[in-house]
Amino acid sequence: MSKLAQDIILRPVITENSMDGIADRKYTFEVAKDANKVEIKAAVEKLFGVKVAKVNTINVDGKLRRYGRYEGYTASRKKAIVTLTEDSKTIEFFDGMM
């Protein structure tokens, strides 16, 4: 069963480091943990109408957090850094952030 693009791309990652990458045509998204690079590329191209040159993925483990005497881990997640081709248009969502 194929997954929908909305199920693969969960949310954009908005940090100082990810905003610096926009100048190099690199956009960061949180993606489904079971998604592979081919599925991520297809989902970004379908959702935003851009051409993707390359996809790098990172598995981020949860951090140990304490609240008083209780402790636990935050949720682990997967991030994808998507690089667009030179002739591709930009992603409009990120244009207002800079």
C-alpha atoms as a PDB file:
ATOM      1  CA  MET A   1       0.000   0.000   0.000  1.00  0.00           C
ATOM      2  CA  SER A   2       1.490   3.334  -1.013  1.00  0.00           C
ATOM      3  CA  LYS A   3       1.559   6.183   1.464  1.00  0.00           C
ATOM      4  CA  LEU A   4       0.148   9.631   0.831  1.00  0.00           C
ATOM      5  CA  ALA A   5       2.540  12.576   0.597  1.00  0.00           C
ATOM      6  CA  GLN A   6       0.834  14.159   3.632  1.00  0.00           C
ATOM      7  CA  ASP A   7       1.606  11.039   5.686  1.00  0.00           C
ATOM      8  CA  ILE A   8       5.316  11.166   4.784  1.00  0.00           C
ATOM      9  CA  ILE A   9       6.055  14.899   5.302  1.00  0.00           C
ATOM     10  CA  LEU A  10       4.888  15.628   8.852  1.00  0.00           C
ATOM     11  CA  ARG A  11       6.063  19.209   9.486  1.00  0.00           C
ATOM     12  CA  PRO A  12       8.807  21.690   8.607  1.00  0.00           C
ATOM     13  CA  VAL A  13      11.712  22.141  11.020  1.00  0.00           C
ATOM     14  CA  ILE A  14      12.112  25.830  11.884  1.00  0.00           C
ATOM     15  CA  THR A  15      15.443  26.440  13.624  1.00  0.00           C
ATOM     16  CA  GLU A  16      18.302  28.882  13.088  1.00  0.00           C
ATOM     17  CA  ASN A  17      20.384  26.158  11.485  1.00  0.00           C
ATOM     18  CA  SER A  18      17.613  25.059   9.110  1.00  0.00           C
ATOM     19  CA  MET A  19      16.895  28.681   8.126  1.00  0.00           C
ATOM     20  CA  ASP A  20      20.574  29.170   7.225  1.00  0.00           C
ATOM     21  CA  GLY A  21      20.283  26.254   4.777  1.00  0.00           C
ATOM     22  CA  ILE A  22      17.562  27.966   2.733  1.00  0.00           C
ATOM     23  CA  ALA A  23      20.193  30.162   1.047  1.00  0.00           C
ATOM     24  CA  ASP A  24      21.771  26.926  -0.279  1.00  0.00           C
ATOM     25  CA  ARG A  25      18.334  25.622  -1.403  1.00  0.00           C
ATOM     26  CA  LYS A  26      18.205  23.132   1.510  1.00  0.00           C
ATOM     27  CA  TYR A  27      14.920  22.650   3.365  1.00  0.00           C
ATOM     28  CA  THR A  28      14.443  20.585   6.529  1.00  0.00           C
ATOM     29  CA  PHE A  29      11.337  18.532   7.321  1.00  0.00           C
ATOM     30  CA  GLU A  30      10.302  16.068   9.987  1.00  0.00           C
ATOM     31  CA  VAL A  31       9.221  12.913   8.172  1.00  0.00           C
ATOM     32  CA  ALA A  32       7.646   9.545   8.960  1.00  0.00           C
ATOM     33  CA  LYS A  33      10.113   7.186  10.616  1.00  0.00           C
ATOM     34  CA  ASP A  34       9.484   4.418   8.072  1.00  0.00           C
ATOM     35  CA  ALA A  35       9.838   6.670   4.994  1.00  0.00           C
ATOM     36  CA  ASN A  36      12.827   6.168   2.713  1.00  0.00           C
ATOM     37  CA  LYS A  37      14.652   8.757   0.582  1.00  0.00           C
ATOM     38  CA  VAL A  38      12.776   7.879  -2.625  1.00  0.00           C
ATOM     39  CA  GLU A  39       9.385   8.319  -0.917  1.00  0.00           C
ATOM     40  CA  ILE A  40      10.482  11.598   0.692  1.00  0.00           C
ATOM     41  CA  LYS A  41      11.672  12.966  -2.673  1.00  0.00           C
ATOM     42  CA  ALA A  42       8.387  12.063  -4.371  1.00  0.00           C
ATOM     43  CA  ALA A  43       6.322  13.548  -1.524  1.00  0.00           C
ATOM     44  CA  VAL A  44       8.172  16.902  -1.548  1.00  0.00           C
ATOM     45  CA  GLU A  45       7.925  17.157  -5.337  1.00  0.00           C
ATOM     46  CA  LYS A  46       4.188  16.420  -5.214  1.00  0.00           C
ATOM     47  CA  LEU A  47       3.311  18.689  -2.267  1.00  0.00           C
ATOM     48  CA  PHE A  48       5.352  21.751  -3.224  1.00  0.00           C
ATOM     49  CA  GLY A  49       5.784  21.392  -7.008  1.00  0.00           C
ATOM     50  CA  VAL A  50       9.602  21.594  -6.924  1.00  0.00           C
ATOM     51  CA  LYS A  51      12.475  19.492  -8.302  1.00  0.00           C
ATOM     52  CA  VAL A  52      14.548  17.666  -5.681  1.00  0.00           C
ATOM     53  CA  ALA A  53      18.242  17.025  -6.324  1.00  0.00           C
ATOM     54  CA  LYS A  54      19.092  15.079  -3.171  1.00  0.00           C
ATOM     55  CA  VAL A  55      17.706  13.921   0.185  1.00  0.00           C
ATOM     56  CA  ASN A  56      19.710  13.377   3.387  1.00  0.00           C
ATOM     57  CA  THR A  57      18.007  11.722   6.378  1.00  0.00           C
ATOM     58  CA  ILE A  58      18.856  11.792  10.072  1.00  0.00           C
ATOM     59  CA  ASN A  59      17.381   9.635  12.846  1.00  0.00           C
ATOM     60  CA  VAL A  60      17.168  11.742  16.015  1.00  0.00           C
ATOM     61  CA  ASP A  61      16.935   9.831  19.293  1.00  0.00           C
ATOM     62  CA  GLY A  62      14.781  11.145  22.127  1.00  0.00           C
ATOM     63  CA  LYS A  63      16.477  13.106  24.908  1.00  0.00           C
ATOM     64  CA  LEU A  64      16.285  12.292  28.611  1.00  0.00           C
ATOM     65  CA  ARG A  65      14.120  14.917  30.328  1.00  0.00           C
ATOM     66  CA  ARG A  66      13.223  15.367  33.992  1.00  0.00           C
ATOM     67  CA  TYR A  67      10.198  16.927  35.617  1.00  0.00           C
ATOM     68  CA  GLY A  68      10.824  17.033  39.333  1.00  0.00           C
ATOM     69  CA  ARG A  69      11.602  13.509  40.446  1.00  0.00           C
ATOM     70  CA  TYR A  70      10.116  11.955  37.296  1.00  0.00           C
ATOM     71  CA  GLU A  71      12.148  11.350  34.194  1.00  0.00           C
ATOM     72  CA  GLY A  72      11.498  10.032  30.712  1.00  0.00           C
ATOM     73  CA  TYR A  73      12.513  10.393  27.112  1.00  0.00           C
ATOM     74  CA  THR A  74      11.145  12.751  24.476  1.00  0.00           C
ATOM     75  CA  ALA A  75       9.898  11.119  21.298  1.00  0.00           C
ATOM     76  CA  SER A  76      12.488  10.048  18.729  1.00  0.00           C
ATOM     77  CA  ARG A  77      11.984  11.301  15.177  1.00  0.00           C
ATOM     78  CA  LYS A  78      13.406  11.359  11.661  1.00  0.00           C
ATOM     79  CA  LYS A  79      14.492  14.513   9.817  1.00  0.00           C
ATOM     80  CA  ALA A  80      15.098  14.961   6.108  1.00  0.00           C
ATOM     81  CA  ILE A  81      17.226  17.700   4.556  1.00  0.00           C
ATOM     82  CA  VAL A  82      15.988  18.173   0.995  1.00  0.00           C
ATOM     83  CA  THR A  83      18.232  19.926  -1.553  1.00  0.00           C
ATOM     84  CA  LEU A  84      16.488  21.429  -4.580  1.00  0.00           C
ATOM     85  CA  THR A  85      17.932  21.636  -8.092  1.00  0.00           C
ATOM     86  CA  GLU A  86      19.284  24.958  -9.383  1.00  0.00           C
ATOM     87  CA  ASP A  87      16.425  25.439 -11.876  1.00  0.00           C
ATOM     88  CA  SER A  88      13.688  24.598  -9.345  1.00  0.00           C
ATOM     89  CA  LYS A  89      11.474  27.241  -7.769  1.00  0.00           C
ATOM     90  CA  THR A  90      11.646  27.822  -4.005  1.00  0.00           C
ATOM     91  CA  ILE A  91       9.140  26.539  -1.435  1.00  0.00           C
ATOM     92  CA  GLU A  92       6.782  29.462  -0.709  1.00  0.00           C
ATOM     93  CA  PHE A  93       6.126  28.431   2.899  1.00  0.00           C
ATOM     94  CA  PHE A  94       9.728  29.198   3.878  1.00  0.00           C
ATOM     95  CA  ASP A  95       9.923  32.498   1.947  1.00  0.00           C
ATOM     96  CA  GLY A  96       8.031  34.397   4.671  1.00  0.00           C
ATOM     97  CA  MET A  97      10.373  33.074   7.380  1.00  0.00           C
ATOM     98  CA  MET A  98      13.526  34.850   6.213  1.00  0.00           C
END
